Amino acid sequence: MNNNERADTVCSTGEFDEDETPFVEQLKRRKKRTKPLDSPPPTKKTLVDNIQAEPTNPTSNIHKPPPIFLKYNCTSNYIQLCKDIQENIQPATFKTKSGPKHLIILTDTPDGYRAAVKYLRNVKIEFHTFQPKEEKPFRVVIRGLHHTVPVELIKTELEKLGFKIRNVSNVIINRHGTKIPRPLFFVDLEANENNQNIFEVRSIMLGIVSVEEPYKKTEIPQCQNCQQYGHTKGYCNYGPKCVKCGRDHHHSQCTKPISEPPTCALCGESHPANYRGCTVHTDLQNKKKDQPKQCQIFPFGDSPPGTLENACHQKSRPCSQLSSSASKHR
């Protein structure tokens, strides 16, 4: 009797001979291994639904506030300064970290950060900080639109498409002292879930356009208020330094004659403070290229937004461990 005849016999009668017992046991094992038809395997859609159904933590999207850098000699009474800050940021709390040139304030909530900045400005304590991540706009570049199109019309057209626009500005380049407008526009959007859809826009005001991401700057930011590197004027509470003569006033109040050579506020040489050939700037750029991101060194204790902020809020591995671990994987 062949295998097919044996299977028909078992299925029809339910009886089997003693010499056919091994075949029947093998058939039963096959039936146990087969999956029932009423429980199909989970599809890709059900897996996605299960992921979306999981509860999410609403506080997971809250970014840590950036650090606040006070000059180390900003106070002669550290305890009293901490008490004053705590009274003005309650119920938020903060911690401090002392460096060679700065006293770093680390708040735990965005509201506490804003309250601390407001208090320090009111008491006129010199400090600098960075822009909070939740306040940073989503920036794109619109290419191909004529520069004479009013920015308000561009803003209105994009708002009709459902985008929340913070600011629109035309890109102007300075070529040999002449300002030339370009068919490029910077668009800053408020944080929203549909911001990525703006890259699908193909036409504005009858013009065929393309929406692109802006080029990432490799230069270290320089403050136009105090001329120091590592932060910007919008988050600087230091005294002003003139970009022309290096003295303690804003460049708009400078009375230096044109015939007199400029003086750098950083190195003291005969060039403006924003000169890219300045030894301070070139040294910083070289250190930025040569060193790992977590180990970059900047003057005055400064660093670009994100690098030093992460170093203050998180325990990073020292450079020696980074280099040793990297050599092991080579």
Protein backbone atom coordinates (compact mmCIF):
# COMPACT_ATOMS: atom_id res chain seq x y z
CA MET A 1 0.00 0.00 0.00
CA ASN A 2 1.48 3.35 -1.03
CA ASN A 3 1.38 6.56 1.00
CA ASN A 4 -1.68 8.02 -0.77
CA GLU A 5 -3.70 4.85 -0.18
CA ARG A 6 -2.67 4.83 3.48
CA ALA A 7 -3.76 8.48 3.94
CA ASP A 8 -7.14 7.76 2.30
CA THR A 9 -7.66 4.77 4.53
CA VAL A 10 -6.94 6.71 7.73
CA CYS A 11 -9.10 9.70 6.75
CA SER A 12 -12.08 7.58 5.68
CA THR A 13 -12.17 4.84 8.34
CA GLY A 14 -10.25 6.31 11.22
CA GLU A 15 -8.71 2.85 11.75
CA PHE A 16 -5.21 1.63 10.99
CA ASP A 17 -3.20 -1.54 11.17
CA GLU A 18 -0.48 -2.09 13.72
CA ASP A 19 2.20 -2.09 10.99
CA GLU A 20 1.02 1.28 9.81
CA THR A 21 1.41 3.01 13.22
CA PRO A 22 4.65 4.95 12.34
CA PHE A 23 3.00 6.47 9.28
CA VAL A 24 -0.05 7.63 11.27
CA GLU A 25 2.10 9.24 13.95
CA GLN A 26 4.05 11.07 11.28
CA LEU A 27 0.78 12.31 9.75
CA LYS A 28 -0.42 13.60 13.13
CA ARG A 29 2.83 15.47 13.68
CA ARG A 30 2.39 17.19 10.31
CA LYS A 31 -1.12 18.30 11.28
CA LYS A 32 0.16 19.80 14.55
CA ARG A 33 2.81 21.84 12.72
CA THR A 34 0.35 23.40 10.29
CA LYS A 35 -1.18 26.76 11.36
CA PRO A 36 -4.97 27.03 11.53
CA LEU A 37 -6.65 28.96 8.76
CA ASP A 38 -8.68 31.13 11.12
CA SER A 39 -5.58 32.89 12.55
CA PRO A 40 -3.67 34.49 9.64
CA PRO A 41 -0.21 35.96 10.31
CA PRO A 42 -0.17 39.64 11.29
CA THR A 43 0.08 41.93 8.33
CA LYS A 44 2.16 45.11 8.09
CA LYS A 45 -0.92 47.19 8.74
CA THR A 46 -1.77 45.44 12.01
CA LEU A 47 1.80 45.90 13.21
CA VAL A 48 1.63 49.63 12.50
CA ASP A 49 -1.72 49.85 14.23
CA ASN A 50 -0.30 48.16 17.29
CA ILE A 51 2.60 50.63 17.38
CA GLN A 52 0.31 53.60 17.06
CA ALA A 53 -2.00 52.26 19.75
CA GLU A 54 0.78 52.25 22.35
CA PRO A 55 0.46 55.12 24.84
CA THR A 56 2.98 57.90 24.36
CA ASN A 57 4.55 60.13 26.96
CA PRO A 58 3.56 63.77 26.28
CA THR A 59 6.63 65.05 28.09
CA SER A 60 9.06 63.12 25.86
CA ASN A 61 9.05 65.91 23.24
CA ILE A 62 10.09 68.62 25.72
CA HIS A 63 13.68 69.67 25.08
CA LYS A 64 16.06 70.56 27.85
CA PRO A 65 16.66 74.32 28.12
CA PRO A 66 20.04 75.60 26.93
CA PRO A 67 22.67 76.57 29.51
CA ILE A 68 23.19 80.15 30.65
CA PHE A 69 26.82 81.33 30.85
CA LEU A 70 27.59 83.99 33.45
CA LYS A 71 31.02 85.54 33.76
CA TYR A 72 32.87 83.87 36.58
CA ASN A 73 33.40 87.17 38.43
CA CYS A 74 29.76 88.24 38.00
CA THR A 75 29.16 88.03 41.76
CA SER A 76 31.09 88.11 45.00
CA ASN A 77 28.44 86.06 46.83
CA TYR A 78 27.59 82.80 45.11
CA ILE A 79 25.08 81.69 47.76
CA GLN A 80 23.08 84.90 47.56
CA LEU A 81 23.03 84.76 43.75
CA CYS A 82 21.61 81.23 43.82
CA LYS A 83 18.94 82.27 46.32
CA ASP A 84 17.89 85.22 44.14
CA ILE A 85 17.67 83.07 41.02
CA GLN A 86 15.67 80.39 42.81
CA GLU A 87 13.18 82.95 44.13
CA ASN A 88 12.55 84.24 40.61
CA ILE A 89 12.16 80.91 38.81
CA GLN A 90 9.99 79.00 41.32
CA PRO A 91 8.61 76.35 41.13
CA ALA A 92 11.38 75.42 38.68
CA THR A 93 14.81 74.45 39.96
CA PHE A 94 18.34 74.76 38.60
CA LYS A 95 21.89 73.57 39.09
CA THR A 96 25.22 75.29 38.53
CA LYS A 97 28.58 74.27 37.14
CA SER A 98 31.70 76.38 37.60
CA GLY A 99 34.28 76.64 34.85
CA PRO A 100 37.52 78.62 34.57
CA LYS A 101 35.79 81.62 32.98
CA HIS A 102 32.06 81.03 33.42
CA LEU A 103 29.44 80.07 35.95
CA ILE A 104 26.94 77.89 34.08
CA ILE A 105 23.26 77.88 35.06
CA LEU A 106 21.29 74.74 34.12
CA THR A 107 17.52 75.05 34.54
CA ASP A 108 15.18 72.07 34.44
CA THR A 109 12.18 73.53 32.58
CA PRO A 110 11.66 75.99 29.70
CA ASP A 111 9.64 78.30 31.96
CA GLY A 112 12.42 78.31 34.51
CA TYR A 113 14.93 79.13 31.78
CA ARG A 114 12.90 82.14 30.57
CA ALA A 115 12.40 83.37 34.13
CA ALA A 116 16.14 83.11 34.86
CA VAL A 117 17.04 85.01 31.67
CA LYS A 118 14.52 87.72 32.50
CA TYR A 119 15.89 88.11 36.03
CA LEU A 120 19.51 88.26 34.89
CA ARG A 121 18.65 90.94 32.33
CA ASN A 122 16.79 93.01 34.94
CA VAL A 123 19.73 92.97 37.38
CA LYS A 124 22.14 93.62 34.46
CA ILE A 125 24.35 90.59 34.96
CA GLU A 126 26.50 89.86 31.91
CA PHE A 127 25.78 86.47 30.35
CA HIS A 128 25.14 84.70 27.08
CA THR A 129 22.96 81.74 26.18
CA PHE A 130 21.50 80.00 23.13
CA GLN A 131 18.15 79.76 21.41
CA PRO A 132 15.86 77.06 22.87
CA LYS A 133 15.19 74.23 20.45
CA GLU A 134 11.41 74.62 20.63
CA GLU A 135 11.76 78.26 19.50
CA LYS A 136 13.87 77.49 16.45
CA PRO A 137 11.90 77.87 13.21
CA PHE A 138 11.73 75.33 10.39
CA ARG A 139 13.65 77.14 7.63
CA VAL A 140 13.45 76.44 3.90
CA VAL A 141 14.61 78.21 0.74
CA ILE A 142 12.25 79.02 -2.14
CA ARG A 143 14.20 79.15 -5.39
CA GLY A 144 13.01 80.57 -8.71
CA LEU A 145 10.67 83.34 -7.56
CA HIS A 146 11.33 86.90 -8.79
CA HIS A 147 12.88 89.10 -6.12
CA THR A 148 10.28 91.88 -6.61
CA VAL A 149 7.44 89.69 -5.31
CA PRO A 150 6.39 91.18 -1.94
CA VAL A 151 7.16 88.95 1.00
CA GLU A 152 3.69 89.52 2.41
CA LEU A 153 2.14 88.00 -0.71
CA ILE A 154 4.39 84.95 -0.40
CA LYS A 155 3.39 84.60 3.23
CA THR A 156 -0.30 84.85 2.34
CA GLU A 157 -0.06 82.25 -0.44
CA LEU A 158 1.71 79.76 1.84
CA GLU A 159 -0.79 80.33 4.64
CA LYS A 160 -3.59 79.49 2.20
CA LEU A 161 -1.91 76.10 1.74
CA GLY A 162 -2.10 75.47 5.49
CA PHE A 163 1.41 76.48 6.60
CA LYS A 164 2.14 78.64 9.65
CA ILE A 165 4.68 81.23 8.52
CA ARG A 166 6.83 83.17 10.95
CA ASN A 167 8.93 85.21 8.54
CA VAL A 168 9.79 85.57 4.83
CA SER A 169 12.88 87.42 3.60
CA ASN A 170 14.62 87.92 0.28
CA VAL A 171 18.23 86.79 -0.07
CA ILE A 172 20.55 89.71 -0.85
CA ILE A 173 24.25 89.26 -1.57
CA ASN A 174 26.92 91.94 -1.23
CA ARG A 175 29.25 91.95 -4.22
CA HIS A 176 32.02 94.57 -4.15
CA GLY A 177 29.93 96.88 -2.01
CA THR A 178 26.81 96.53 -4.16
CA LYS A 179 23.73 94.78 -2.74
CA ILE A 180 22.19 92.46 -5.33
CA PRO A 181 18.81 90.78 -4.65
CA ARG A 182 18.56 87.17 -5.75
CA PRO A 183 15.57 85.02 -6.81
CA LEU A 184 15.78 83.27 -3.45
CA PHE A 185 13.63 83.62 -0.34
CA PHE A 186 14.16 82.35 3.18
CA VAL A 187 10.92 81.10 4.76
CA ASP A 188 10.72 80.39 8.49
CA LEU A 189 7.81 78.18 9.55
CA GLU A 190 6.44 77.60 13.01
CA ALA A 191 6.78 74.09 14.37
CA ASN A 192 4.00 72.00 12.85
CA GLU A 193 3.39 68.45 11.66
CA ASN A 194 2.82 69.44 8.03
CA ASN A 195 6.07 71.38 7.56
CA GLN A 196 7.56 68.64 5.39
CA ASN A 197 4.75 69.12 2.88
CA ILE A 198 6.18 72.48 1.86
CA PHE A 199 8.80 70.66 -0.22
CA GLU A 200 5.97 69.55 -2.52
CA VAL A 201 5.03 73.13 -3.46
CA ARG A 202 5.80 73.73 -7.15
CA SER A 203 4.16 77.09 -7.94
CA ILE A 204 3.73 80.44 -6.14
CA MET A 205 2.27 83.58 -7.75
CA LEU A 206 2.39 81.96 -11.23
CA GLY A 207 6.07 81.25 -10.77
CA ILE A 208 7.56 77.77 -11.01
CA VAL A 209 9.57 77.30 -7.83
CA SER A 210 11.49 74.66 -5.96
CA VAL A 211 11.64 74.41 -2.17
CA GLU A 212 14.95 73.25 -0.72
CA GLU A 213 16.74 72.94 2.58
CA PRO A 214 19.23 75.75 3.30
CA TYR A 215 22.93 75.05 3.20
CA LYS A 216 24.40 74.23 6.60
CA LYS A 217 26.90 76.79 7.79
CA THR A 218 30.34 75.51 8.71
CA GLU A 219 31.51 78.82 10.15
CA ILE A 220 31.47 79.34 13.91
CA PRO A 221 28.83 82.00 14.72
CA GLN A 222 30.12 85.39 15.85
CA CYS A 223 28.16 87.76 18.07
CA GLN A 224 27.63 91.18 16.48
CA ASN A 225 27.29 92.74 19.93
CA CYS A 226 30.40 91.64 21.86
CA GLN A 227 32.30 90.22 18.81
CA GLN A 228 32.98 86.92 20.62
CA TYR A 229 32.57 83.57 18.86
CA GLY A 230 30.15 80.83 19.82
CA HIS A 231 26.87 82.70 20.28
CA THR A 232 24.73 85.36 18.59
CA LYS A 233 23.64 88.88 19.52
CA GLY A 234 20.03 87.88 20.18
CA TYR A 235 21.14 85.86 23.22
CA CYS A 236 24.02 88.06 24.40
CA ASN A 237 23.86 90.29 27.47
CA TYR A 238 27.50 91.37 27.48
CA GLY A 239 28.65 94.92 27.02
CA PRO A 240 29.02 96.02 23.37
CA LYS A 241 32.32 96.01 21.49
CA CYS A 242 32.84 98.01 18.33
CA VAL A 243 33.66 95.93 15.27
CA LYS A 244 35.73 98.83 13.88
CA CYS A 245 37.79 100.24 16.76
CA GLY A 246 37.34 97.57 19.44
CA ARG A 247 36.11 100.00 22.11
CA ASP A 248 33.14 99.65 24.43
CA HIS A 249 30.35 100.99 22.22
CA HIS A 250 28.12 99.84 19.37
CA HIS A 251 29.52 100.23 15.86
CA SER A 252 26.71 102.68 15.02
CA GLN A 253 28.16 105.07 17.62
CA CYS A 254 31.75 104.80 16.41
CA THR A 255 33.46 108.11 15.59
CA LYS A 256 36.66 106.60 14.18
CA PRO A 257 37.69 108.42 10.98
CA ILE A 258 38.06 106.37 7.82
CA SER A 259 41.74 107.30 7.55
CA GLU A 260 42.47 105.66 10.90
CA PRO A 261 43.14 101.90 10.72
CA PRO A 262 40.67 99.58 12.50
CA THR A 263 41.47 97.66 15.67
CA CYS A 264 40.29 94.11 16.32
CA ALA A 265 38.44 93.64 19.60
CA LEU A 266 39.72 90.06 19.84
CA CYS A 267 43.40 90.10 18.94
CA GLY A 268 44.22 93.85 18.83
CA GLU A 269 45.58 93.74 15.28
CA SER A 270 44.81 96.31 12.56
CA HIS A 271 41.68 94.77 11.06
CA PRO A 272 37.94 94.65 11.88
CA ALA A 273 36.78 92.14 14.47
CA ASN A 274 34.77 90.22 11.86
CA TYR A 275 37.80 89.67 9.59
CA ARG A 276 37.95 85.96 8.72
CA GLY A 277 41.73 86.10 8.56
CA CYS A 278 41.96 87.00 12.24
CA THR A 279 44.22 84.63 14.17
CA VAL A 280 41.46 83.98 16.71
CA HIS A 281 39.05 82.90 13.97
CA THR A 282 41.54 80.76 12.05
CA ASP A 283 42.66 78.99 15.22
CA LEU A 284 39.06 78.19 16.11
CA GLN A 285 38.30 76.84 12.66
CA ASN A 286 41.38 74.63 12.71
CA LYS A 287 40.48 73.26 16.14
CA LYS A 288 36.94 72.60 14.96
CA LYS A 289 38.19 70.57 11.99
CA ASP A 290 40.88 68.63 13.85
CA GLN A 291 39.07 67.72 17.07
CA PRO A 292 36.03 65.50 17.66
CA LYS A 293 32.73 67.30 18.08
CA GLN A 294 32.51 66.53 21.80
CA CYS A 295 36.01 67.88 22.38
CA GLN A 296 35.93 71.19 20.47
CA ILE A 297 37.51 74.12 22.29
CA PHE A 298 36.28 77.69 21.92
CA PRO A 299 37.49 80.96 23.45
CA PHE A 300 35.77 82.52 26.45
CA GLY A 301 34.23 79.11 27.25
CA ASP A 302 31.85 79.41 24.29
CA SER A 303 30.72 76.80 21.81
CA PRO A 304 28.14 76.54 19.02
CA PRO A 305 24.55 75.71 20.08
CA GLY A 306 24.10 72.04 20.80
CA THR A 307 27.73 71.03 21.38
CA LEU A 308 28.29 72.62 24.77
CA GLU A 309 24.65 72.26 25.71
CA ASN A 310 24.88 68.48 25.38
CA ALA A 311 28.17 68.46 27.25
CA CYS A 312 26.57 70.28 30.18
CA HIS A 313 23.36 68.27 30.37
CA GLN A 314 24.79 64.84 29.60
CA LYS A 315 27.75 62.87 30.86
CA SER A 316 29.89 62.42 27.78
CA ARG A 317 32.85 60.12 27.52
CA PRO A 318 36.30 61.74 27.66
CA CYS A 319 38.34 62.12 24.53
CA SER A 320 40.81 59.44 25.61
CA GLN A 321 38.03 56.85 25.83
CA LEU A 322 36.63 57.91 22.47
CA SER A 323 40.00 57.51 20.77
CA SER A 324 40.73 54.18 22.45
CA SER A 325 37.35 52.72 21.56
CA ALA A 326 37.69 53.91 18.00
CA SER A 327 41.08 52.26 17.62
CA LYS A 328 39.66 48.92 18.78
CA HIS A 329 37.14 48.82 15.95
CA ARG A 330 39.66 49.63 13.24
